[in-house]
Amino acid sequence: VVSTFVIVEMAEGGDEGIVYGLLTTTYNVGGPFASAISNQLFGLFEPKLSDPKNYVEDRPTFRNTVALSFVVTYAAAFLSLLTLPLLPRQKAQVQQWKRDWPRRDIYAWASLTILVVGLVYSCALSVLA
């Protein structure tokens, strides 16, 4: 429900459908993209997190690897908080940004390129995995 309000504020009259589609696609690409990145990253860890025998043996080196995986996961989550200042404070600030900020085609192309690269990357790694 909250995201619908954001879409109404961001979209110009008549563009609500395309903005909703873009924002929904961006949101839905996040999960598979995160899975693809985490599978690649955690695949580098030794001993392997995907090997069930490591959980049964429960050696100190494997415990350290599991702890490191938790540190990496929480660090990424906390780093995402650094993007919070990019959000507008209130409805009035959104309208001011729409009115005062320059409009350039490069913003649209950069957004679409990042979205398509993320979508292709996550789909390719999901198929190859």
Foldseek 3Di string as FASTA:
>chain_A
DVVLVVLVLQDDPPCSVVSVVLVVLQVVLVVLLVVLVLCVVQCPDPPHPPDPVCVVVVDPSVVVSVVVSVVVVVVVVVVVVVCVVVDDDDSVRSVVCVVPPDDDVVVVVVSVVVSVVSNVSSVVSVVVD
